[in-house]
């Protein structure tokens, strides 16, 4: 929308007016609110959960191991201060290891955007035998996790 169009909308009393230059696809990829019949109900952003164990570089394997042990995913995600996903640490790599998680970090795990359709997510998870997907925005910031069970339930 042009700045002039935004001004007109504000003049007519609209409270939240955005001049979002990047466009609709970027807006949805950031999990921003949408309206209409195909808004967000059919995307994995609506299924994203916040129950994954997270940690920072330099943390001890013992500290992280305790968090990952209670996680439903079998791994933890390594984030920077801006919540950008740097890597993954598998539960199996933490057993019996004393040191820093930097030693067992798997850098750059695959992520998906929140505007991915539930149908496409289900196909991808079946094709690659995945039990969960990491959901991030275009800058790589963690938005959550989506479990295969939740995707399959949403398709029913």
N, C-alpha and C. Protein backbone atom coordinates (compact mmCIF):
# COMPACT_ATOMS: atom_id res chain seq x y z
N UNK A 1 0.85 -1.16 0.00
CA UNK A 1 0.00 0.00 0.00
C UNK A 1 0.90 1.23 0.00
N UNK A 2 0.49 2.23 -0.71
CA UNK A 2 1.29 3.46 -0.77
C UNK A 2 1.10 4.28 0.50
N UNK A 3 2.05 5.15 0.82
CA UNK A 3 1.89 6.01 1.99
C UNK A 3 0.62 6.86 1.91
N UNK A 4 0.25 7.29 0.69
CA UNK A 4 -0.96 8.09 0.54
C UNK A 4 -2.20 7.28 0.87
N UNK A 5 -2.24 6.01 0.42
CA UNK A 5 -3.38 5.15 0.73
C UNK A 5 -3.46 4.89 2.23
N UNK A 6 -2.32 4.71 2.87
CA UNK A 6 -2.30 4.50 4.32
C UNK A 6 -2.84 5.73 5.04
N UNK A 7 -2.49 6.93 4.58
CA UNK A 7 -2.99 8.16 5.18
C UNK A 7 -4.50 8.27 5.06
N UNK A 8 -5.03 7.88 3.89
CA UNK A 8 -6.48 7.90 3.70
C UNK A 8 -7.17 6.96 4.67
N UNK A 9 -6.64 5.78 4.83
CA UNK A 9 -7.25 4.83 5.76
C UNK A 9 -7.22 5.36 7.19
N UNK A 10 -6.12 5.98 7.59
CA UNK A 10 -6.04 6.58 8.92
C UNK A 10 -7.06 7.70 9.06
N UNK A 11 -7.25 8.48 7.99
CA UNK A 11 -8.22 9.57 7.99
C UNK A 11 -9.64 9.04 8.20
N UNK A 12 -9.92 7.86 7.67
CA UNK A 12 -11.24 7.26 7.81
C UNK A 12 -11.41 6.48 9.10
N UNK A 13 -10.43 6.58 10.00
CA UNK A 13 -10.58 6.00 11.32
C UNK A 13 -9.95 4.64 11.56
N UNK A 14 -9.28 4.09 10.57
CA UNK A 14 -8.62 2.80 10.79
C UNK A 14 -7.46 3.00 11.76
N UNK A 15 -7.40 2.16 12.79
CA UNK A 15 -6.39 2.32 13.84
C UNK A 15 -5.05 1.69 13.47
N UNK A 16 -5.08 0.52 12.87
CA UNK A 16 -3.84 -0.18 12.53
C UNK A 16 -3.68 -0.20 11.02
N UNK A 17 -2.81 0.66 10.52
CA UNK A 17 -2.56 0.76 9.09
C UNK A 17 -1.07 0.50 8.87
N UNK A 18 -0.77 -0.41 7.94
CA UNK A 18 0.61 -0.78 7.68
C UNK A 18 1.00 -0.43 6.26
N UNK A 19 2.17 0.12 6.11
CA UNK A 19 2.77 0.32 4.79
C UNK A 19 3.86 -0.74 4.68
N UNK A 20 3.46 -1.97 4.42
CA UNK A 20 4.37 -3.11 4.45
C UNK A 20 4.93 -3.34 3.05
N UNK A 21 6.09 -2.82 2.80
CA UNK A 21 6.70 -2.81 1.49
C UNK A 21 7.08 -4.21 1.01
N UNK A 22 7.45 -5.08 1.93
CA UNK A 22 7.94 -6.41 1.55
C UNK A 22 6.88 -7.28 0.90
N UNK A 23 5.61 -7.02 1.15
CA UNK A 23 4.55 -7.73 0.47
C UNK A 23 3.87 -8.80 1.31
N UNK A 24 2.79 -9.33 0.75
CA UNK A 24 1.93 -10.28 1.44
C UNK A 24 2.66 -11.57 1.82
N UNK A 25 3.46 -12.12 0.90
CA UNK A 25 4.16 -13.38 1.19
C UNK A 25 5.09 -13.22 2.38
N UNK A 26 5.80 -12.12 2.45
CA UNK A 26 6.70 -11.87 3.57
C UNK A 26 5.91 -11.67 4.85
N UNK A 27 4.81 -10.96 4.77
CA UNK A 27 3.94 -10.73 5.93
C UNK A 27 3.51 -12.08 6.52
N UNK A 28 3.02 -12.98 5.67
CA UNK A 28 2.55 -14.28 6.13
C UNK A 28 3.70 -15.16 6.63
N UNK A 29 4.88 -15.04 6.01
CA UNK A 29 6.04 -15.82 6.43
C UNK A 29 6.55 -15.40 7.80
N UNK A 30 6.16 -14.21 8.24
CA UNK A 30 6.51 -13.73 9.58
C UNK A 30 5.41 -14.07 10.59
N UNK A 31 4.42 -14.83 10.15
CA UNK A 31 3.30 -15.27 10.99
C UNK A 31 2.48 -14.09 11.51
N UNK A 32 2.35 -13.07 10.68
CA UNK A 32 1.54 -11.90 11.03
C UNK A 32 0.06 -12.23 10.86
N UNK A 33 -0.82 -11.49 11.49
CA UNK A 33 -2.25 -11.78 11.37
C UNK A 33 -2.76 -11.62 9.94
N UNK A 34 -3.69 -12.48 9.58
CA UNK A 34 -4.29 -12.43 8.25
C UNK A 34 -5.80 -12.51 8.40
N UNK A 35 -6.48 -12.05 7.38
CA UNK A 35 -7.94 -12.10 7.37
C UNK A 35 -8.41 -12.78 6.10
N UNK A 36 -9.66 -13.15 6.09
CA UNK A 36 -10.24 -13.75 4.90
C UNK A 36 -10.49 -15.23 5.09
N UNK A 37 -11.05 -15.85 4.07
CA UNK A 37 -11.45 -17.24 4.16
C UNK A 37 -10.27 -18.20 4.21
N UNK A 38 -9.13 -17.80 3.68
CA UNK A 38 -7.95 -18.68 3.69
C UNK A 38 -6.86 -18.12 4.59
N UNK A 39 -7.23 -17.39 5.61
CA UNK A 39 -6.28 -16.67 6.47
C UNK A 39 -5.16 -17.58 6.98
N UNK A 40 -5.25 -18.07 8.19
CA UNK A 40 -4.16 -18.87 8.74
C UNK A 40 -4.60 -20.24 9.23
N UNK A 41 -5.86 -20.56 9.11
CA UNK A 41 -6.34 -21.82 9.64
C UNK A 41 -5.77 -23.03 8.91
N UNK A 42 -5.30 -22.87 7.69
CA UNK A 42 -4.77 -24.00 6.94
C UNK A 42 -3.25 -23.95 6.82
N UNK A 43 -2.59 -23.27 7.75
CA UNK A 43 -1.13 -23.19 7.72
C UNK A 43 -0.55 -23.76 9.00
N UNK A 44 0.71 -24.15 8.93
CA UNK A 44 1.32 -24.75 10.12
C UNK A 44 1.59 -23.71 11.20
N UNK A 45 1.58 -22.44 10.85
CA UNK A 45 1.74 -21.41 11.87
C UNK A 45 0.66 -21.51 12.94
N UNK A 46 -0.52 -21.97 12.54
CA UNK A 46 -1.61 -22.12 13.50
C UNK A 46 -1.40 -23.32 14.42
N UNK A 47 -0.47 -24.20 14.08
CA UNK A 47 -0.21 -25.40 14.88
C UNK A 47 1.08 -25.32 15.69
N UNK A 48 1.84 -24.24 15.52
CA UNK A 48 3.16 -24.14 16.15
C UNK A 48 3.06 -24.17 17.67
N UNK A 49 3.92 -24.98 18.27
CA UNK A 49 3.97 -25.16 19.72
C UNK A 49 5.28 -24.57 20.25
N UNK A 50 5.27 -24.22 21.53
CA UNK A 50 6.43 -23.59 22.16
C UNK A 50 7.12 -24.53 23.15
N UNK A 51 7.01 -25.83 22.97
CA UNK A 51 7.50 -26.78 23.96
C UNK A 51 8.86 -27.41 23.65
N UNK A 52 9.62 -26.82 22.76
CA UNK A 52 10.94 -27.36 22.45
C UNK A 52 11.97 -26.81 23.44
N UNK A 53 12.92 -27.64 23.82
CA UNK A 53 14.00 -27.22 24.70
C UNK A 53 14.96 -26.33 23.90
N UNK A 54 15.37 -25.23 24.49
CA UNK A 54 16.32 -24.33 23.82
C UNK A 54 17.52 -24.08 24.72
N UNK A 55 18.60 -23.65 24.09
CA UNK A 55 19.81 -23.33 24.83
C UNK A 55 20.64 -22.33 24.03
N UNK A 56 21.73 -21.90 24.62
CA UNK A 56 22.65 -20.94 23.99
C UNK A 56 24.01 -21.60 23.82
N UNK A 57 24.79 -21.08 22.90
CA UNK A 57 26.17 -21.55 22.75
C UNK A 57 26.90 -21.40 24.07
N UNK A 58 27.77 -22.35 24.35
CA UNK A 58 28.57 -22.27 25.56
C UNK A 58 27.96 -22.94 26.76
N UNK A 59 26.68 -23.29 26.72
CA UNK A 59 26.07 -23.97 27.87
C UNK A 59 26.64 -25.38 28.00
N UNK A 60 26.60 -25.90 29.21
CA UNK A 60 27.15 -27.23 29.45
C UNK A 60 26.18 -28.30 28.95
N UNK A 61 26.73 -29.43 28.56
CA UNK A 61 25.91 -30.54 28.09
C UNK A 61 25.01 -31.06 29.21
N UNK A 62 25.47 -30.97 30.46
CA UNK A 62 24.65 -31.43 31.59
C UNK A 62 23.40 -30.56 31.74
N UNK A 63 23.56 -29.24 31.68
CA UNK A 63 22.41 -28.33 31.79
C UNK A 63 21.41 -28.56 30.67
N UNK A 64 21.93 -28.61 29.46
CA UNK A 64 21.07 -28.77 28.28
C UNK A 64 20.43 -30.16 28.28
N UNK A 65 21.19 -31.16 28.70
CA UNK A 65 20.67 -32.53 28.73
C UNK A 65 19.43 -32.66 29.59
N UNK A 66 19.38 -31.96 30.71
CA UNK A 66 18.21 -32.01 31.58
C UNK A 66 16.98 -31.44 30.87
N UNK A 67 17.15 -30.35 30.14
CA UNK A 67 16.03 -29.75 29.42
C UNK A 67 15.57 -30.63 28.27
N UNK A 68 16.54 -31.17 27.52
CA UNK A 68 16.21 -32.00 26.36
C UNK A 68 15.53 -33.30 26.80
N UNK A 69 15.92 -33.81 27.96
CA UNK A 69 15.33 -35.04 28.49
C UNK A 69 13.82 -34.92 28.65
N UNK A 70 13.33 -33.75 29.01
CA UNK A 70 11.89 -33.56 29.21
C UNK A 70 11.18 -33.05 27.96
N UNK A 71 11.93 -32.80 26.90
CA UNK A 71 11.35 -32.32 25.65
C UNK A 71 10.69 -33.46 24.89
N UNK A 72 9.57 -33.22 24.23
CA UNK A 72 8.91 -34.27 23.46
C UNK A 72 9.58 -34.56 22.11
N UNK A 73 10.68 -33.89 21.80
CA UNK A 73 11.26 -34.00 20.46
C UNK A 73 12.54 -34.82 20.35
N UNK A 74 13.23 -35.07 21.45
CA UNK A 74 14.47 -35.83 21.36
C UNK A 74 15.66 -34.98 20.97
N UNK A 75 15.47 -33.67 20.95
CA UNK A 75 16.58 -32.75 20.66
C UNK A 75 16.24 -31.39 21.24
N UNK A 76 17.24 -30.55 21.29
CA UNK A 76 17.06 -29.15 21.68
C UNK A 76 17.57 -28.26 20.58
N UNK A 77 17.12 -27.03 20.56
CA UNK A 77 17.57 -26.08 19.56
C UNK A 77 18.50 -25.05 20.20
N UNK A 78 19.57 -24.75 19.50
CA UNK A 78 20.53 -23.75 19.95
C UNK A 78 20.16 -22.43 19.28
N UNK A 79 19.90 -21.42 20.12
CA UNK A 79 19.47 -20.11 19.64
C UNK A 79 20.48 -19.04 20.02
N UNK A 80 20.53 -17.98 19.22
CA UNK A 80 21.33 -16.82 19.63
C UNK A 80 20.44 -15.87 20.41
N UNK A 81 20.97 -14.70 20.77
CA UNK A 81 20.21 -13.76 21.59
C UNK A 81 18.97 -13.22 20.89
N UNK A 82 18.95 -13.26 19.56
CA UNK A 82 17.80 -12.78 18.79
C UNK A 82 16.81 -13.90 18.47
N UNK A 83 17.00 -15.08 19.09
CA UNK A 83 16.15 -16.25 18.88
C UNK A 83 16.34 -16.91 17.52
N UNK A 84 17.45 -16.62 16.83
CA UNK A 84 17.76 -17.24 15.55
C UNK A 84 18.25 -18.66 15.81
N UNK A 85 17.72 -19.61 15.05
CA UNK A 85 18.11 -21.02 15.20
C UNK A 85 19.50 -21.22 14.61
N UNK A 86 20.45 -21.55 15.47
CA UNK A 86 21.83 -21.79 15.03
C UNK A 86 22.09 -23.26 14.77
N UNK A 87 21.42 -24.12 15.53
CA UNK A 87 21.66 -25.54 15.37
C UNK A 87 20.75 -26.38 16.24
N UNK A 88 21.04 -27.67 16.18
CA UNK A 88 20.26 -28.66 16.93
C UNK A 88 21.24 -29.51 17.73
N UNK A 89 20.80 -29.94 18.93
CA UNK A 89 21.58 -30.84 19.77
C UNK A 89 20.70 -32.05 20.07
N UNK A 90 21.12 -33.22 19.61
CA UNK A 90 20.34 -34.44 19.81
C UNK A 90 20.53 -34.98 21.23
N UNK A 91 19.47 -35.52 21.78
CA UNK A 91 19.50 -36.12 23.12
C UNK A 91 20.58 -37.19 23.19
N UNK A 92 20.68 -38.01 22.15
CA UNK A 92 21.66 -39.10 22.15
C UNK A 92 23.10 -38.60 22.20
N UNK A 93 23.35 -37.41 21.68
CA UNK A 93 24.72 -36.87 21.68
C UNK A 93 25.10 -36.29 23.04
N UNK A 94 24.13 -36.08 23.91
CA UNK A 94 24.40 -35.47 25.21
C UNK A 94 24.69 -36.48 26.31
N UNK A 95 24.31 -37.73 26.11
CA UNK A 95 24.49 -38.76 27.15
C UNK A 95 25.96 -39.03 27.41
N UNK A 96 26.35 -38.86 28.67
CA UNK A 96 27.72 -39.19 29.08
C UNK A 96 28.79 -38.24 28.60
N UNK A 97 28.42 -37.13 28.00
CA UNK A 97 29.42 -36.19 27.51
C UNK A 97 29.50 -35.00 28.45
N UNK A 98 30.69 -34.69 28.90
CA UNK A 98 30.90 -33.51 29.75
C UNK A 98 31.60 -32.46 28.89
N UNK A 99 31.05 -31.28 28.88
CA UNK A 99 31.64 -30.20 28.09
C UNK A 99 30.58 -29.23 27.65
N UNK A 100 30.86 -28.59 26.54
CA UNK A 100 29.96 -27.58 26.00
C UNK A 100 29.12 -28.16 24.87
N UNK A 101 27.91 -27.66 24.74
CA UNK A 101 27.07 -28.14 23.64
C UNK A 101 27.66 -27.76 22.28
N UNK A 102 28.60 -26.81 22.28
CA UNK A 102 29.25 -26.42 21.03
C UNK A 102 29.92 -27.63 20.36
N UNK A 103 30.31 -28.62 21.18
CA UNK A 103 31.01 -29.81 20.67
C UNK A 103 30.07 -30.77 19.93
N UNK A 104 28.78 -30.72 20.25
CA UNK A 104 27.82 -31.67 19.65
C UNK A 104 26.76 -30.98 18.80
N UNK A 105 26.90 -29.70 18.62
CA UNK A 105 25.96 -28.91 17.84
C UNK A 105 25.94 -29.36 16.38
N UNK A 106 24.75 -29.58 15.85
CA UNK A 106 24.57 -29.82 14.41
C UNK A 106 24.09 -28.50 13.82
N UNK A 107 24.93 -27.79 13.08
CA UNK A 107 24.55 -26.45 12.60
C UNK A 107 23.49 -26.48 11.51
N UNK A 108 22.71 -25.40 11.47
CA UNK A 108 21.77 -25.15 10.38
C UNK A 108 20.73 -26.19 10.12
N UNK A 109 19.90 -26.57 11.12
CA UNK A 109 18.84 -27.53 10.82
C UNK A 109 17.82 -26.93 9.86
N UNK A 110 17.17 -27.79 9.13
CA UNK A 110 16.15 -27.36 8.18
C UNK A 110 14.95 -26.78 8.93
N UNK A 111 14.43 -25.68 8.42
CA UNK A 111 13.25 -25.04 9.00
C UNK A 111 12.23 -24.76 7.91
N UNK A 112 11.00 -24.50 8.33
CA UNK A 112 9.94 -24.13 7.40
C UNK A 112 9.30 -22.84 7.88
N UNK A 113 8.58 -22.17 7.00
CA UNK A 113 7.89 -20.93 7.34
C UNK A 113 6.47 -21.22 7.83
N UNK A 114 5.93 -20.33 8.64
CA UNK A 114 4.60 -20.57 9.21
C UNK A 114 3.46 -20.55 8.19
N UNK A 115 3.71 -20.01 7.00
CA UNK A 115 2.64 -19.96 6.00
C UNK A 115 2.61 -21.21 5.13
N UNK A 116 3.42 -22.21 5.45
CA UNK A 116 3.38 -23.49 4.73
C UNK A 116 2.03 -24.15 4.99
N UNK A 117 1.40 -24.65 3.95
CA UNK A 117 0.09 -25.28 4.13
C UNK A 117 0.22 -26.57 4.92
N UNK A 118 -0.82 -26.90 5.64
CA UNK A 118 -0.83 -28.13 6.43
C UNK A 118 -0.69 -29.34 5.50
N UNK A 119 -1.31 -29.30 4.34
CA UNK A 119 -1.22 -30.41 3.39
C UNK A 119 0.22 -30.60 2.91
N UNK A 120 0.90 -29.52 2.58
CA UNK A 120 2.29 -29.60 2.12
C UNK A 120 3.20 -30.10 3.24
N UNK A 121 2.94 -29.62 4.45
CA UNK A 121 3.72 -30.07 5.61
C UNK A 121 3.55 -31.58 5.81
N UNK A 122 2.31 -32.06 5.71
CA UNK A 122 2.05 -33.49 5.88
C UNK A 122 2.78 -34.31 4.82
N UNK A 123 2.74 -33.86 3.58
CA UNK A 123 3.45 -34.56 2.50
C UNK A 123 4.95 -34.60 2.77
N UNK A 124 5.51 -33.48 3.17
CA UNK A 124 6.95 -33.40 3.44
C UNK A 124 7.34 -34.30 4.60
N UNK A 125 6.52 -34.32 5.64
CA UNK A 125 6.83 -35.14 6.81
C UNK A 125 6.75 -36.63 6.47
N UNK A 126 5.77 -37.01 5.67
CA UNK A 126 5.66 -38.41 5.26
C UNK A 126 6.83 -38.80 4.36
N UNK A 127 7.12 -37.96 3.38
CA UNK A 127 8.18 -38.24 2.41
C UNK A 127 9.55 -38.42 3.08
N UNK A 128 9.83 -37.61 4.08
CA UNK A 128 11.14 -37.65 4.74
C UNK A 128 11.10 -38.34 6.10
N UNK A 129 9.96 -38.96 6.44
CA UNK A 129 9.77 -39.66 7.70
C UNK A 129 10.13 -38.78 8.90
N UNK A 130 9.58 -37.57 8.92
CA UNK A 130 9.84 -36.61 9.99
C UNK A 130 8.72 -36.66 11.03
N UNK A 131 9.08 -36.50 12.29
CA UNK A 131 8.09 -36.46 13.36
C UNK A 131 7.77 -35.03 13.77
N UNK A 132 8.61 -34.07 13.36
CA UNK A 132 8.39 -32.67 13.73
C UNK A 132 9.08 -31.75 12.73
N UNK A 133 8.59 -30.52 12.64
CA UNK A 133 9.20 -29.48 11.81
C UNK A 133 9.51 -28.28 12.69
N UNK A 134 10.65 -27.66 12.42
CA UNK A 134 11.03 -26.42 13.11
C UNK A 134 10.46 -25.27 12.28
N UNK A 135 9.71 -24.39 12.92
CA UNK A 135 9.08 -23.26 12.22
C UNK A 135 9.84 -21.99 12.59
N UNK A 136 10.29 -21.27 11.56
CA UNK A 136 11.01 -20.01 11.79
C UNK A 136 10.54 -18.96 10.81
N UNK A 137 10.84 -17.70 11.13
CA UNK A 137 10.51 -16.63 10.20
C UNK A 137 11.63 -16.49 9.16
N UNK A 138 11.51 -15.61 8.17
CA UNK A 138 12.53 -15.49 7.13
C UNK A 138 13.93 -15.12 7.65
N UNK A 139 14.01 -14.53 8.83
CA UNK A 139 15.32 -14.20 9.40
C UNK A 139 15.89 -15.36 10.21
N UNK A 140 15.14 -16.45 10.32
CA UNK A 140 15.61 -17.62 11.04
C UNK A 140 15.25 -17.66 12.51
N UNK A 141 14.41 -16.71 12.97
CA UNK A 141 14.00 -16.69 14.38
C UNK A 141 12.97 -17.80 14.63
N UNK A 142 13.16 -18.51 15.72
CA UNK A 142 12.27 -19.61 16.08
C UNK A 142 10.87 -19.10 16.38
N UNK A 143 9.88 -19.72 15.72
CA UNK A 143 8.47 -19.43 16.00
C UNK A 143 7.81 -20.58 16.74
N UNK A 144 8.38 -21.77 16.62
CA UNK A 144 7.82 -22.92 17.31
C UNK A 144 8.11 -24.22 16.58
N UNK A 145 7.43 -25.27 17.06
CA UNK A 145 7.57 -26.61 16.50
C UNK A 145 6.19 -27.11 16.09
N UNK A 146 6.18 -27.94 15.06
CA UNK A 146 4.93 -28.57 14.63
C UNK A 146 5.16 -30.08 14.63
N UNK A 147 4.32 -30.80 15.36
CA UNK A 147 4.43 -32.25 15.43
C UNK A 147 3.61 -32.90 14.32
N UNK A 148 4.10 -34.02 13.85
CA UNK A 148 3.40 -34.76 12.79
C UNK A 148 1.99 -35.13 13.22
N UNK A 149 1.82 -35.54 14.46
CA UNK A 149 0.50 -35.90 14.96
C UNK A 149 -0.47 -34.74 14.84
N UNK A 150 -0.01 -33.53 15.18
CA UNK A 150 -0.87 -32.35 15.09
C UNK A 150 -1.24 -32.03 13.65
N UNK A 151 -0.29 -32.23 12.75
CA UNK A 151 -0.55 -32.00 11.32
C UNK A 151 -1.59 -33.00 10.82
N UNK A 152 -1.40 -34.26 11.15
CA UNK A 152 -2.35 -35.29 10.69
C UNK A 152 -3.73 -35.08 11.31
N UNK A 153 -3.78 -34.67 12.58
CA UNK A 153 -5.07 -34.39 13.21
C UNK A 153 -5.78 -33.22 12.52
N UNK A 154 -5.01 -32.21 12.11
CA UNK A 154 -5.60 -31.04 11.45
C UNK A 154 -6.17 -31.39 10.08
N UNK A 155 -5.62 -32.41 9.45
CA UNK A 155 -6.12 -32.82 8.14
C UNK A 155 -7.45 -33.57 8.23
N UNK A 156 -7.75 -34.11 9.40
CA UNK A 156 -9.01 -34.86 9.57
C UNK A 156 -10.19 -33.96 9.74
